[in-house]
Amino acid sequence: MKFFTRFSAALTVAMVSLSSAAVAQAAEPTVDNPGGVEAITSPGGVPANGYGPDRHTFVGAQAVSARTPGLTPLGANDFSCVPAPGTNPVVLVPGTGNDAYTAWAFFSPRIKQAGYCVYTFNYNPSTNPQNDAASFMGDIRQSAAFMAGFVDRVLAATGSKKIDIIGHSQGGGALPRAYIKWYGGDKKVDKLIGLVPSNTGTTMMGMNDLIRQLLKWFPTLETKMLNEHNSQALLQQLVGSEFMKDLNSGALTYPDITYTVISTVYDTIITPHTRSFLPAGPNVKNMNVQDICPLDMYGHPNMPYDSVALQLSLNALNPSAAQPVQCVKIPKYITANDLA
């Protein structure tokens, strides 16, 4: 429920501060000048506070990240890594309000162990530039422009022509697709694997209509929340937002990119969950984890900690070597070690 929590917090702050002056909108983002906010503990977008421990739950990783911002998940950001023949470097993109460690403490070491060079980054935290844990809250165009520069760094370091992306929520939908559409990613992305991605927006369980009504009643609310608290990504991912209209005008997919969408029927953040899906096509595969493992109970925040989603992601990275998926019935319960 982190999307709801952060939205509610930003909404509350904006409601009580409507009398303050508005902040001017930033210039159009470019790769050289993306705008946005670079967190102090992630200079150049790269987490710089050491490696965090392996974790098996979102809550466990979140607890570690809250104590030590700017952690790198195990296995990620070795810029001396040489990709194995036939593989691309894999860029892991967090979702709204998550940092690289919180999002990828489970996936990253296992993708590395599978033989891939793995990279991830932080950008555009809300309000406090020291708070990596609130990354990817700002304008998605800015984050996409910044992502373009990060990807170029990965390609230069590895000597690769293209990357593969695994992303969660915004990081598997709106953000990488904005990079692909507006910042040259159509020539640099081979595979895009989205875990519960925000491809066509969310109704927030019907709250989008209430939010729009509030914006009509309080016309300065949007400016206060978006500009002063760097939380543009929240409204941008609502169904019918101007950002979503721009992003999804024309074709939603590119023929030279392979798209895999991994969703869950228990998603309560991208609602309805089918809004994660992309239009059917020869290079698009949409699925719910319950299609393969009917007893999988993972929801939106926990998808990067679902071993079924991990196995499906590894199969999508290398379809010719795909392995049968081993089902897990329920999410792993948090233990004392997770919070250590």
C-alpha atoms as a PDB file:
ATOM      1  CA  MET A   1       0.000   0.000   0.000  1.00  0.00           C
ATOM      2  CA  LYS A   2       3.012   2.303  -0.238  1.00  0.00           C
ATOM      3  CA  PHE A   3       1.591   4.195  -3.230  1.00  0.00           C
ATOM      4  CA  PHE A   4      -1.559   5.005  -1.190  1.00  0.00           C
ATOM      5  CA  THR A   5       0.464   5.914   1.886  1.00  0.00           C
ATOM      6  CA  ARG A   6       2.731   8.318   0.060  1.00  0.00           C
ATOM      7  CA  PHE A   7      -0.133   9.827  -1.899  1.00  0.00           C
ATOM      8  CA  SER A   8      -2.137  10.417   1.278  1.00  0.00           C
ATOM      9  CA  ALA A   9       0.860  11.980   3.012  1.00  0.00           C
ATOM     10  CA  ALA A  10       1.571  14.309   0.102  1.00  0.00           C
ATOM     11  CA  LEU A  11      -2.114  15.210  -0.160  1.00  0.00           C
ATOM     12  CA  THR A  12      -2.283  16.056   3.537  1.00  0.00           C
ATOM     13  CA  VAL A  13       0.804  18.262   3.415  1.00  0.00           C
ATOM     14  CA  ALA A  14      -0.509  20.067   0.361  1.00  0.00           C
ATOM     15  CA  MET A  15      -3.961  20.626   1.871  1.00  0.00           C
ATOM     16  CA  VAL A  16      -2.559  22.360   4.950  1.00  0.00           C
ATOM     17  CA  SER A  17      -0.145  24.563   2.992  1.00  0.00           C
ATOM     18  CA  LEU A  18      -2.315  25.962   0.209  1.00  0.00           C
ATOM     19  CA  SER A  19      -1.484  29.547   1.132  1.00  0.00           C
ATOM     20  CA  SER A  20       2.194  29.255   0.116  1.00  0.00           C
ATOM     21  CA  ALA A  21       3.443  30.529  -3.209  1.00  0.00           C
ATOM     22  CA  ALA A  22       3.593  28.115  -6.133  1.00  0.00           C
ATOM     23  CA  VAL A  23       6.916  26.913  -7.497  1.00  0.00           C
ATOM     24  CA  ALA A  24       7.523  27.303 -11.239  1.00  0.00           C
ATOM     25  CA  GLN A  25       7.557  24.187 -13.390  1.00  0.00           C
ATOM     26  CA  ALA A  26      10.978  22.941 -14.495  1.00  0.00           C
ATOM     27  CA  ALA A  27      12.185  23.167 -18.076  1.00  0.00           C
ATOM     28  CA  GLU A  28      11.596  20.235 -20.417  1.00  0.00           C
ATOM     29  CA  PRO A  29      13.872  17.396 -19.244  1.00  0.00           C
ATOM     30  CA  THR A  30      16.802  16.377 -21.437  1.00  0.00           C
ATOM     31  CA  VAL A  31      19.419  13.654 -21.067  1.00  0.00           C
ATOM     32  CA  ASP A  32      22.085  16.272 -20.299  1.00  0.00           C
ATOM     33  CA  ASN A  33      19.797  18.255 -17.990  1.00  0.00           C
ATOM     34  CA  PRO A  34      17.087  15.931 -16.646  1.00  0.00           C
ATOM     35  CA  GLY A  35      16.067  18.168 -13.767  1.00  0.00           C
ATOM     36  CA  GLY A  36      14.719  16.359 -10.749  1.00  0.00           C
ATOM     37  CA  VAL A  37      16.523  15.554  -7.531  1.00  0.00           C
ATOM     38  CA  GLU A  38      19.721  13.561  -7.012  1.00  0.00           C
ATOM     39  CA  ALA A  39      19.845  11.965  -3.565  1.00  0.00           C
ATOM     40  CA  ILE A  40      22.890  12.789  -1.459  1.00  0.00           C
ATOM     41  CA  THR A  41      23.591   9.111  -0.788  1.00  0.00           C
ATOM     42  CA  SER A  42      23.317   8.196  -4.491  1.00  0.00           C
ATOM     43  CA  PRO A  43      25.643  10.557  -6.394  1.00  0.00           C
ATOM     44  CA  GLY A  44      25.134  10.104 -10.109  1.00  0.00           C
ATOM     45  CA  GLY A  45      22.194   7.888  -9.222  1.00  0.00           C
ATOM     46  CA  VAL A  46      24.463   5.118  -7.940  1.00  0.00           C
ATOM     47  CA  PRO A  47      23.820   4.065  -4.315  1.00  0.00           C
ATOM     48  CA  ALA A  48      27.063   4.809  -2.461  1.00  0.00           C
ATOM     49  CA  ASN A  49      26.554   3.546   1.100  1.00  0.00           C
ATOM     50  CA  GLY A  50      27.760  -0.013   0.672  1.00  0.00           C
ATOM     51  CA  TYR A  51      25.930  -3.266   0.048  1.00  0.00           C
ATOM     52  CA  GLY A  52      22.831  -4.273   1.966  1.00  0.00           C
ATOM     53  CA  PRO A  53      22.110  -7.851   3.086  1.00  0.00           C
ATOM     54  CA  ASP A  54      20.104 -10.417   1.161  1.00  0.00           C
ATOM     55  CA  ARG A  55      16.427 -10.171   2.092  1.00  0.00           C
ATOM     56  CA  HIS A  56      13.375 -12.278   1.281  1.00  0.00           C
ATOM     57  CA  THR A  57      10.579  -9.815   2.108  1.00  0.00           C
ATOM     58  CA  PHE A  58       9.742  -6.268   1.111  1.00  0.00           C
ATOM     59  CA  VAL A  59       9.105  -5.281   4.734  1.00  0.00           C
ATOM     60  CA  GLY A  60      12.473  -6.672   5.783  1.00  0.00           C
ATOM     61  CA  ALA A  61      14.347  -4.770   3.067  1.00  0.00           C
ATOM     62  CA  GLN A  62      12.382  -1.615   3.830  1.00  0.00           C
ATOM     63  CA  ALA A  63      13.427  -1.795   7.486  1.00  0.00           C
ATOM     64  CA  VAL A  64      17.105  -2.072   6.529  1.00  0.00           C
ATOM     65  CA  SER A  65      16.871   0.773   4.016  1.00  0.00           C
ATOM     66  CA  ALA A  66      15.174   3.064   6.524  1.00  0.00           C
ATOM     67  CA  ARG A  67      18.165   2.726   8.847  1.00  0.00           C
ATOM     68  CA  THR A  68      20.811   3.073   6.137  1.00  0.00           C
ATOM     69  CA  PRO A  69      19.851   5.017   2.998  1.00  0.00           C
ATOM     70  CA  GLY A  70      21.842   4.581  -0.185  1.00  0.00           C
ATOM     71  CA  LEU A  71      22.434   0.824   0.008  1.00  0.00           C
ATOM     72  CA  THR A  72      23.155  -1.268  -3.070  1.00  0.00           C
ATOM     73  CA  PRO A  73      21.509  -4.696  -3.348  1.00  0.00           C
ATOM     74  CA  LEU A  74      23.959  -7.577  -3.502  1.00  0.00           C
ATOM     75  CA  GLY A  75      25.183  -8.364  -6.995  1.00  0.00           C
ATOM     76  CA  ALA A  76      24.457  -4.948  -8.501  1.00  0.00           C
ATOM     77  CA  ASN A  77      26.569  -2.124  -9.947  1.00  0.00           C
ATOM     78  CA  ASP A  78      29.866  -3.852 -10.657  1.00  0.00           C
ATOM     79  CA  PHE A  79      30.915  -1.621 -13.534  1.00  0.00           C
ATOM     80  CA  SER A  80      33.825  -3.954 -14.314  1.00  0.00           C
ATOM     81  CA  CYS A  81      31.418  -6.835 -15.036  1.00  0.00           C
ATOM     82  CA  VAL A  82      31.747  -8.399 -18.492  1.00  0.00           C
ATOM     83  CA  PRO A  83      28.445  -9.792 -19.828  1.00  0.00           C
ATOM     84  CA  ALA A  84      28.493 -13.474 -20.700  1.00  0.00           C
ATOM     85  CA  PRO A  85      28.162 -14.243 -24.424  1.00  0.00           C
ATOM     86  CA  GLY A  86      24.553 -13.938 -25.562  1.00  0.00           C
ATOM     87  CA  THR A  87      23.460 -11.844 -22.570  1.00  0.00           C
ATOM     88  CA  ASN A  88      22.757  -8.164 -22.071  1.00  0.00           C
ATOM     89  CA  PRO A  89      23.393  -6.192 -18.898  1.00  0.00           C
ATOM     90  CA  VAL A  90      20.225  -6.118 -16.790  1.00  0.00           C
ATOM     91  CA  VAL A  91      19.013  -2.800 -15.369  1.00  0.00           C
ATOM     92  CA  LEU A  92      16.659  -3.125 -12.394  1.00  0.00           C
ATOM     93  CA  VAL A  93      14.304  -0.147 -12.058  1.00  0.00           C
ATOM     94  CA  PRO A  94      12.470   0.479  -8.748  1.00  0.00           C
ATOM     95  CA  GLY A  95       8.865   1.612  -8.447  1.00  0.00           C
ATOM     96  CA  THR A  96       7.323   4.768  -7.021  1.00  0.00           C
ATOM     97  CA  GLY A  97       8.632   5.585  -3.556  1.00  0.00           C
ATOM     98  CA  ASN A  98      11.159   2.735  -3.509  1.00  0.00           C
ATOM     99  CA  ASP A  99      14.927   2.849  -3.586  1.00  0.00           C
ATOM    100  CA  ALA A 100      17.193   0.381  -5.362  1.00  0.00           C
ATOM    101  CA  TYR A 101      17.858  -1.731  -2.282  1.00  0.00           C
ATOM    102  CA  THR A 102      14.254  -1.914  -1.045  1.00  0.00           C
ATOM    103  CA  ALA A 103      13.075  -2.946  -4.505  1.00  0.00           C
ATOM    104  CA  TRP A 104      15.801  -5.424  -5.434  1.00  0.00           C
ATOM    105  CA  ALA A 105      17.337  -6.972  -2.289  1.00  0.00           C
ATOM    106  CA  PHE A 106      15.891 -10.345  -3.376  1.00  0.00           C
ATOM    107  CA  PHE A 107      16.094 -10.245  -7.190  1.00  0.00           C
ATOM    108  CA  SER A 108      19.528  -8.674  -7.635  1.00  0.00           C
ATOM    109  CA  PRO A 109      21.791 -11.339  -6.086  1.00  0.00           C
ATOM    110  CA  ARG A 110      19.855 -14.124  -7.777  1.00  0.00           C
ATOM    111  CA  ILE A 111      20.002 -12.547 -11.224  1.00  0.00           C
ATOM    112  CA  LYS A 112      23.725 -12.037 -10.684  1.00  0.00           C
ATOM    113  CA  GLN A 113      24.070 -15.695  -9.671  1.00  0.00           C
ATOM    114  CA  ALA A 114      22.273 -16.650 -12.889  1.00  0.00           C
ATOM    115  CA  GLY A 115      25.189 -15.132 -14.830  1.00  0.00           C
ATOM    116  CA  TYR A 116      24.101 -11.572 -15.605  1.00  0.00           C
ATOM    117  CA  CYS A 117      25.717  -8.197 -15.057  1.00  0.00           C
ATOM    118  CA  VAL A 118      23.217  -6.285 -12.918  1.00  0.00           C
ATOM    119  CA  TYR A 119      22.729  -2.544 -12.406  1.00  0.00           C
ATOM    120  CA  THR A 120      20.275  -0.314 -10.580  1.00  0.00           C
ATOM    121  CA  PHE A 121      19.921   3.327  -9.566  1.00  0.00           C
ATOM    122  CA  ASN A 122      18.074   5.885  -7.425  1.00  0.00           C
ATOM    123  CA  TYR A 123      16.629   9.216  -8.535  1.00  0.00           C
ATOM    124  CA  ASN A 124      13.984  11.847  -7.803  1.00  0.00           C
ATOM    125  CA  PRO A 125      13.163  11.284  -4.122  1.00  0.00           C
ATOM    126  CA  SER A 126      10.388  13.382  -2.615  1.00  0.00           C
ATOM    127  CA  THR A 127      11.100  16.483  -0.521  1.00  0.00           C
ATOM    128  CA  ASN A 128      14.264  15.316   1.255  1.00  0.00           C
ATOM    129  CA  PRO A 129      17.305  14.664  -0.972  1.00  0.00           C
ATOM    130  CA  GLN A 130      18.845  12.512   1.746  1.00  0.00           C
ATOM    131  CA  ASN A 131      15.901  10.120   1.638  1.00  0.00           C
ATOM    132  CA  ASP A 132      16.720   7.525  -1.019  1.00  0.00           C
ATOM    133  CA  ALA A 133      13.860   5.426   0.339  1.00  0.00           C
ATOM    134  CA  ALA A 134      11.396   7.852  -1.293  1.00  0.00           C
ATOM    135  CA  SER A 135      12.966   7.682  -4.770  1.00  0.00           C
ATOM    136  CA  PHE A 136      11.087   7.858  -8.080  1.00  0.00           C
ATOM    137  CA  MET A 137       8.394  10.130  -6.670  1.00  0.00           C
ATOM    138  CA  GLY A 138       9.228  13.065  -8.940  1.00  0.00           C
ATOM    139  CA  ASP A 139       8.277  13.809 -12.542  1.00  0.00           C
ATOM    140  CA  ILE A 140       8.535  10.612 -14.599  1.00  0.00           C
ATOM    141  CA  ARG A 141       9.912  12.469 -17.634  1.00  0.00           C
ATOM    142  CA  GLN A 142      12.788  13.713 -15.488  1.00  0.00           C
ATOM    143  CA  SER A 143      13.448  10.222 -14.157  1.00  0.00           C
ATOM    144  CA  ALA A 144      13.330   8.843 -17.713  1.00  0.00           C
ATOM    145  CA  ALA A 145      15.807  11.442 -18.960  1.00  0.00           C
ATOM    146  CA  PHE A 146      18.115  10.579 -16.063  1.00  0.00           C
ATOM    147  CA  MET A 147      17.674   6.872 -16.775  1.00  0.00           C
ATOM    148  CA  ALA A 148      18.906   7.475 -20.320  1.00  0.00           C
ATOM    149  CA  GLY A 149      22.214   8.764 -18.989  1.00  0.00           C
ATOM    150  CA  PHE A 150      22.526   5.872 -16.536  1.00  0.00           C
ATOM    151  CA  VAL A 151      21.876   3.326 -19.285  1.00  0.00           C
ATOM    152  CA  ASP A 152      24.528   4.966 -21.475  1.00  0.00           C
ATOM    153  CA  ARG A 153      26.990   4.587 -18.603  1.00  0.00           C
ATOM    154  CA  VAL A 154      26.131   0.881 -18.313  1.00  0.00           C
ATOM    155  CA  LEU A 155      26.522   0.342 -22.060  1.00  0.00           C
ATOM    156  CA  ALA A 156      29.852   2.152 -22.106  1.00  0.00           C
ATOM    157  CA  ALA A 157      31.187   0.158 -19.139  1.00  0.00           C
ATOM    158  CA  THR A 158      30.105  -3.232 -20.503  1.00  0.00           C
ATOM    159  CA  GLY A 159      30.685  -2.617 -24.220  1.00  0.00           C
ATOM    160  CA  SER A 160      27.146  -3.806 -24.891  1.00  0.00           C
ATOM    161  CA  LYS A 161      24.788  -2.577 -27.583  1.00  0.00           C
ATOM    162  CA  LYS A 162      21.571  -3.109 -25.638  1.00  0.00           C
ATOM    163  CA  ILE A 163      20.228  -3.686 -22.151  1.00  0.00           C
ATOM    164  CA  ASP A 164      17.431  -5.744 -20.659  1.00  0.00           C
ATOM    165  CA  ILE A 165      15.159  -4.114 -18.066  1.00  0.00           C
ATOM    166  CA  ILE A 166      13.338  -5.645 -15.129  1.00  0.00           C
ATOM    167  CA  GLY A 167      11.177  -3.069 -13.408  1.00  0.00           C
ATOM    168  CA  HIS A 168       8.602  -2.919 -10.649  1.00  0.00           C
ATOM    169  CA  SER A 169       5.407  -0.837 -10.906  1.00  0.00           C
ATOM    170  CA  GLN A 170       6.382   2.579 -12.353  1.00  0.00           C
ATOM    171  CA  GLY A 171       9.831   1.064 -12.952  1.00  0.00           C
ATOM    172  CA  GLY A 172       8.379  -1.667 -15.162  1.00  0.00           C
ATOM    173  CA  GLY A 173       5.852   0.467 -17.005  1.00  0.00           C
ATOM    174  CA  ALA A 174       5.605   4.241 -17.173  1.00  0.00           C
ATOM    175  CA  LEU A 175       9.285   5.035 -16.491  1.00  0.00           C
ATOM    176  CA  PRO A 176      11.078   2.680 -18.902  1.00  0.00           C
ATOM    177  CA  ARG A 177       8.430   3.206 -21.555  1.00  0.00           C
ATOM    178  CA  ALA A 178       8.951   6.984 -21.257  1.00  0.00           C
ATOM    179  CA  TYR A 179      12.692   6.360 -21.681  1.00  0.00           C
ATOM    180  CA  ILE A 180      11.996   4.179 -24.707  1.00  0.00           C
ATOM    181  CA  LYS A 181       9.593   6.667 -26.309  1.00  0.00           C
ATOM    182  CA  TRP A 182      11.277  10.012 -25.639  1.00  0.00           C
ATOM    183  CA  TYR A 183      14.930   9.463 -24.731  1.00  0.00           C
ATOM    184  CA  GLY A 184      16.371   6.952 -27.201  1.00  0.00           C
ATOM    185  CA  GLY A 185      15.579   3.722 -25.396  1.00  0.00           C
ATOM    186  CA  ASP A 186      13.903   2.271 -28.475  1.00  0.00           C
ATOM    187  CA  LYS A 187      17.420   1.694 -29.885  1.00  0.00           C
ATOM    188  CA  LYS A 188      18.961   0.453 -26.624  1.00  0.00           C
ATOM    189  CA  VAL A 189      16.421  -1.868 -24.994  1.00  0.00           C
ATOM    190  CA  ASP A 190      16.164  -5.521 -26.015  1.00  0.00           C
ATOM    191  CA  LYS A 191      13.730  -6.826 -23.371  1.00  0.00           C
ATOM    192  CA  LEU A 192      11.401  -5.055 -20.952  1.00  0.00           C
ATOM    193  CA  ILE A 193      10.089  -7.223 -18.125  1.00  0.00           C
ATOM    194  CA  GLY A 194       7.523  -5.444 -15.974  1.00  0.00           C
ATOM    195  CA  LEU A 195       6.369  -6.639 -12.553  1.00  0.00           C
ATOM    196  CA  VAL A 196       2.877  -5.204 -11.951  1.00  0.00           C
ATOM    197  CA  PRO A 197       3.781  -2.294 -14.267  1.00  0.00           C
ATOM    198  CA  SER A 198       1.830   0.960 -14.507  1.00  0.00           C
ATOM    199  CA  ASN A 199       1.363   0.699 -18.264  1.00  0.00           C
ATOM    200  CA  THR A 200      -2.052   2.319 -18.722  1.00  0.00           C
ATOM    201  CA  GLY A 201      -2.483   3.910 -15.304  1.00  0.00           C
ATOM    202  CA  THR A 202      -4.426   3.064 -12.194  1.00  0.00           C
ATOM    203  CA  THR A 203      -7.873   3.960 -10.889  1.00  0.00           C
ATOM    204  CA  MET A 204      -6.509   3.601  -7.327  1.00  0.00           C
ATOM    205  CA  MET A 205      -9.564   1.449  -6.571  1.00  0.00           C
ATOM    206  CA  GLY A 206     -11.832   4.242  -7.788  1.00  0.00           C
ATOM    207  CA  MET A 207     -10.102   7.031  -5.879  1.00  0.00           C
ATOM    208  CA  ASN A 208      -9.011   8.724  -9.120  1.00  0.00           C
ATOM    209  CA  ASP A 209     -12.440  10.339  -9.473  1.00  0.00           C
ATOM    210  CA  LEU A 210     -12.300  11.659  -5.902  1.00  0.00           C
ATOM    211  CA  ILE A 211      -8.802  13.023  -6.480  1.00  0.00           C
ATOM    212  CA  ARG A 212      -9.882  14.855  -9.631  1.00  0.00           C
ATOM    213  CA  GLN A 213     -12.838  16.372  -7.762  1.00  0.00           C
ATOM    214  CA  LEU A 214     -10.496  17.569  -5.017  1.00  0.00           C
ATOM    215  CA  LEU A 215      -8.284  19.177  -7.646  1.00  0.00           C
ATOM    216  CA  LYS A 216     -11.304  21.056  -8.996  1.00  0.00           C
ATOM    217  CA  TRP A 217     -12.264  22.277  -5.528  1.00  0.00           C
ATOM    218  CA  PHE A 218      -8.688  23.270  -4.644  1.00  0.00           C
ATOM    219  CA  PRO A 219      -7.051  24.395  -7.910  1.00  0.00           C
ATOM    220  CA  THR A 220      -3.675  25.112  -6.283  1.00  0.00           C
ATOM    221  CA  LEU A 221      -3.509  21.693  -4.642  1.00  0.00           C
ATOM    222  CA  GLU A 222      -1.843  20.019  -7.609  1.00  0.00           C
ATOM    223  CA  THR A 223       0.884  22.639  -7.861  1.00  0.00           C
ATOM    224  CA  LYS A 224       1.572  22.436  -4.142  1.00  0.00           C
ATOM    225  CA  MET A 225       1.815  18.672  -4.091  1.00  0.00           C
ATOM    226  CA  LEU A 226       3.658  18.254  -7.366  1.00  0.00           C
ATOM    227  CA  ASN A 227       6.233  21.006  -7.229  1.00  0.00           C
ATOM    228  CA  GLU A 228       6.952  21.629  -3.581  1.00  0.00           C
ATOM    229  CA  HIS A 229       6.972  17.980  -2.565  1.00  0.00           C
ATOM    230  CA  ASN A 230       8.372  16.478  -5.787  1.00  0.00           C
ATOM    231  CA  SER A 231       5.571  13.931  -6.012  1.00  0.00           C
ATOM    232  CA  GLN A 232       4.492  14.349  -9.619  1.00  0.00           C
ATOM    233  CA  ALA A 233       4.672  10.624 -10.330  1.00  0.00           C
ATOM    234  CA  LEU A 234       1.634   9.927  -8.144  1.00  0.00           C
ATOM    235  CA  LEU A 235      -0.862  11.876 -10.239  1.00  0.00           C
ATOM    236  CA  GLN A 236       0.933  11.073 -13.484  1.00  0.00           C
ATOM    237  CA  GLN A 237       0.074   7.401 -13.066  1.00  0.00           C
ATOM    238  CA  LEU A 238      -3.660   7.927 -12.660  1.00  0.00           C
ATOM    239  CA  VAL A 239      -5.925   6.801 -15.484  1.00  0.00           C
ATOM    240  CA  GLY A 240      -6.547   9.704 -17.850  1.00  0.00           C
ATOM    241  CA  SER A 241      -3.670  11.907 -16.673  1.00  0.00           C
ATOM    242  CA  GLU A 242      -2.022  14.124 -19.283  1.00  0.00           C
ATOM    243  CA  PHE A 243       1.175  12.151 -18.805  1.00  0.00           C
ATOM    244  CA  MET A 244      -0.589   8.839 -19.491  1.00  0.00           C
ATOM    245  CA  LYS A 245      -2.303  10.322 -22.533  1.00  0.00           C
ATOM    246  CA  ASP A 246       1.042  11.457 -23.939  1.00  0.00           C
ATOM    247  CA  LEU A 247       2.834   8.227 -23.103  1.00  0.00           C
ATOM    248  CA  ASN A 248       0.166   6.015 -24.649  1.00  0.00           C
ATOM    249  CA  SER A 249      -0.599   8.073 -27.743  1.00  0.00           C
ATOM    250  CA  GLY A 250       0.297   6.029 -30.790  1.00  0.00           C
ATOM    251  CA  ALA A 251       1.782   2.551 -30.467  1.00  0.00           C
ATOM    252  CA  LEU A 252       2.420   1.325 -26.918  1.00  0.00           C
ATOM    253  CA  THR A 253       5.138  -1.116 -27.978  1.00  0.00           C
ATOM    254  CA  TYR A 254       8.080  -1.201 -30.384  1.00  0.00           C
ATOM    255  CA  PRO A 255       8.700  -4.165 -32.715  1.00  0.00           C
ATOM    256  CA  ASP A 256      12.376  -4.568 -31.803  1.00  0.00           C
ATOM    257  CA  ILE A 257      11.668  -4.882 -28.068  1.00  0.00           C
ATOM    258  CA  THR A 258      10.305  -7.985 -26.354  1.00  0.00           C
ATOM    259  CA  TYR A 259       7.789  -7.174 -23.604  1.00  0.00           C
ATOM    260  CA  THR A 260       6.862  -9.432 -20.696  1.00  0.00           C
ATOM    261  CA  VAL A 261       4.230  -8.310 -18.169  1.00  0.00           C
ATOM    262  CA  ILE A 262       4.007 -10.254 -14.899  1.00  0.00           C
ATOM    263  CA  SER A 263       0.958  -9.234 -12.877  1.00  0.00           C
ATOM    264  CA  THR A 264      -1.109 -10.594  -9.994  1.00  0.00           C
ATOM    265  CA  VAL A 265      -4.845 -10.767  -9.493  1.00  0.00           C
ATOM    266  CA  TYR A 266      -4.223  -9.523  -5.935  1.00  0.00           C
ATOM    267  CA  ASP A 267      -2.898  -6.152  -7.070  1.00  0.00           C
ATOM    268  CA  THR A 268      -4.617  -3.370  -5.109  1.00  0.00           C
ATOM    269  CA  ILE A 269      -2.455  -0.520  -6.417  1.00  0.00           C
ATOM    270  CA  ILE A 270      -2.617  -0.898 -10.194  1.00  0.00           C
ATOM    271  CA  THR A 271      -6.382  -1.307 -10.429  1.00  0.00           C
ATOM    272  CA  PRO A 272      -7.879  -3.110 -12.129  1.00  0.00           C
ATOM    273  CA  HIS A 273      -4.820  -5.334 -12.366  1.00  0.00           C
ATOM    274  CA  THR A 274      -5.342  -5.807 -16.110  1.00  0.00           C
ATOM    275  CA  ARG A 275      -4.213  -2.194 -16.625  1.00  0.00           C
ATOM    276  CA  SER A 276      -0.700  -3.578 -16.271  1.00  0.00           C
ATOM    277  CA  PHE A 277      -1.162  -5.451 -19.542  1.00  0.00           C
ATOM    278  CA  LEU A 278       0.010  -4.260 -22.951  1.00  0.00           C
ATOM    279  CA  PRO A 279      -1.858  -4.793 -26.236  1.00  0.00           C
ATOM    280  CA  ALA A 280      -1.416  -8.317 -27.553  1.00  0.00           C
ATOM    281  CA  GLY A 281       1.238  -8.822 -30.186  1.00  0.00           C
ATOM    282  CA  PRO A 282       3.970 -11.212 -31.334  1.00  0.00           C
ATOM    283  CA  ASN A 283       6.520  -9.501 -29.062  1.00  0.00           C
ATOM    284  CA  VAL A 284       4.224  -9.139 -26.023  1.00  0.00           C
ATOM    285  CA  LYS A 285       3.473 -11.678 -23.305  1.00  0.00           C
ATOM    286  CA  ASN A 286       0.978 -10.780 -20.557  1.00  0.00           C
ATOM    287  CA  MET A 287       0.482 -13.083 -17.585  1.00  0.00           C
ATOM    288  CA  ASN A 288      -0.610 -13.293 -13.969  1.00  0.00           C
ATOM    289  CA  VAL A 289       1.523 -15.329 -11.589  1.00  0.00           C
ATOM    290  CA  GLN A 290      -1.709 -17.201 -10.776  1.00  0.00           C
ATOM    291  CA  ASP A 291      -1.810 -18.477 -14.385  1.00  0.00           C
ATOM    292  CA  ILE A 292       1.189 -20.620 -13.489  1.00  0.00           C
ATOM    293  CA  CYS A 293       0.774 -20.981  -9.727  1.00  0.00           C
ATOM    294  CA  PRO A 294      -2.901 -20.545  -8.731  1.00  0.00           C
ATOM    295  CA  LEU A 295      -2.100 -20.390  -5.000  1.00  0.00           C
ATOM    296  CA  ASP A 296       0.407 -17.548  -5.341  1.00  0.00           C
ATOM    297  CA  MET A 297      -0.883 -14.835  -2.975  1.00  0.00           C
ATOM    298  CA  TYR A 298       1.652 -12.095  -3.628  1.00  0.00           C
ATOM    299  CA  GLY A 299       0.333  -8.571  -4.143  1.00  0.00           C
ATOM    300  CA  HIS A 300       1.755  -5.381  -5.626  1.00  0.00           C
ATOM    301  CA  PRO A 301       4.495  -4.293  -3.171  1.00  0.00           C
ATOM    302  CA  ASN A 302       5.799  -7.840  -2.693  1.00  0.00           C
ATOM    303  CA  MET A 303       6.142  -8.871  -6.327  1.00  0.00           C
ATOM    304  CA  PRO A 304       9.932  -8.314  -6.385  1.00  0.00           C
ATOM    305  CA  TYR A 305      10.073 -10.838  -3.513  1.00  0.00           C
ATOM    306  CA  ASP A 306       8.005 -13.524  -5.228  1.00  0.00           C
ATOM    307  CA  SER A 307      10.153 -16.477  -6.308  1.00  0.00           C
ATOM    308  CA  VAL A 308       7.581 -17.254  -9.013  1.00  0.00           C
ATOM    309  CA  ALA A 309       8.002 -13.764 -10.482  1.00  0.00           C
ATOM    310  CA  LEU A 310      11.786 -14.238 -10.273  1.00  0.00           C
ATOM    311  CA  GLN A 311      11.641 -17.528 -12.161  1.00  0.00           C
ATOM    312  CA  LEU A 312       9.380 -16.015 -14.816  1.00  0.00           C
ATOM    313  CA  SER A 313      11.757 -13.060 -15.159  1.00  0.00           C
ATOM    314  CA  LEU A 314      14.770 -15.328 -15.622  1.00  0.00           C
ATOM    315  CA  ASN A 315      12.858 -17.307 -18.251  1.00  0.00           C
ATOM    316  CA  ALA A 316      11.996 -14.066 -20.054  1.00  0.00           C
ATOM    317  CA  LEU A 317      15.652 -13.006 -20.037  1.00  0.00           C
ATOM    318  CA  ASN A 318      16.642 -16.265 -21.748  1.00  0.00           C
ATOM    319  CA  PRO A 319      13.596 -17.974 -23.297  1.00  0.00           C
ATOM    320  CA  SER A 320      15.713 -20.627 -25.024  1.00  0.00           C
ATOM    321  CA  ALA A 321      16.817 -21.927 -21.606  1.00  0.00           C
ATOM    322  CA  ALA A 322      13.488 -21.483 -19.803  1.00  0.00           C
ATOM    323  CA  GLN A 323      12.977 -23.795 -16.834  1.00  0.00           C
ATOM    324  CA  PRO A 324       9.745 -25.165 -15.319  1.00  0.00           C
ATOM    325  CA  VAL A 325       8.455 -22.830 -12.605  1.00  0.00           C
ATOM    326  CA  GLN A 326       8.459 -24.159  -9.058  1.00  0.00           C
ATOM    327  CA  CYS A 327       5.347 -22.832  -7.319  1.00  0.00           C
ATOM    328  CA  VAL A 328       5.261 -21.228  -3.891  1.00  0.00           C
ATOM    329  CA  LYS A 329       1.839 -21.251  -2.223  1.00  0.00           C
ATOM    330  CA  ILE A 330       1.995 -18.161  -0.010  1.00  0.00           C
ATOM    331  CA  PRO A 331       4.391 -15.272   0.674  1.00  0.00           C
ATOM    332  CA  LYS A 332       7.320 -15.982   2.966  1.00  0.00           C
ATOM    333  CA  TYR A 333       6.587 -14.737   6.459  1.00  0.00           C
ATOM    334  CA  ILE A 334       8.877 -12.100   7.927  1.00  0.00           C
ATOM    335  CA  THR A 335      11.440 -13.356  10.426  1.00  0.00           C
ATOM    336  CA  ALA A 336      13.722 -11.723  12.956  1.00  0.00           C
ATOM    337  CA  ASN A 337      16.577 -12.094  10.474  1.00  0.00           C
ATOM    338  CA  ASP A 338      14.693  -9.981   7.937  1.00  0.00           C
ATOM    339  CA  LEU A 339      14.687  -7.079  10.377  1.00  0.00           C
ATOM    340  CA  ALA A 340      18.301  -7.523  11.523  1.00  0.00           C
END
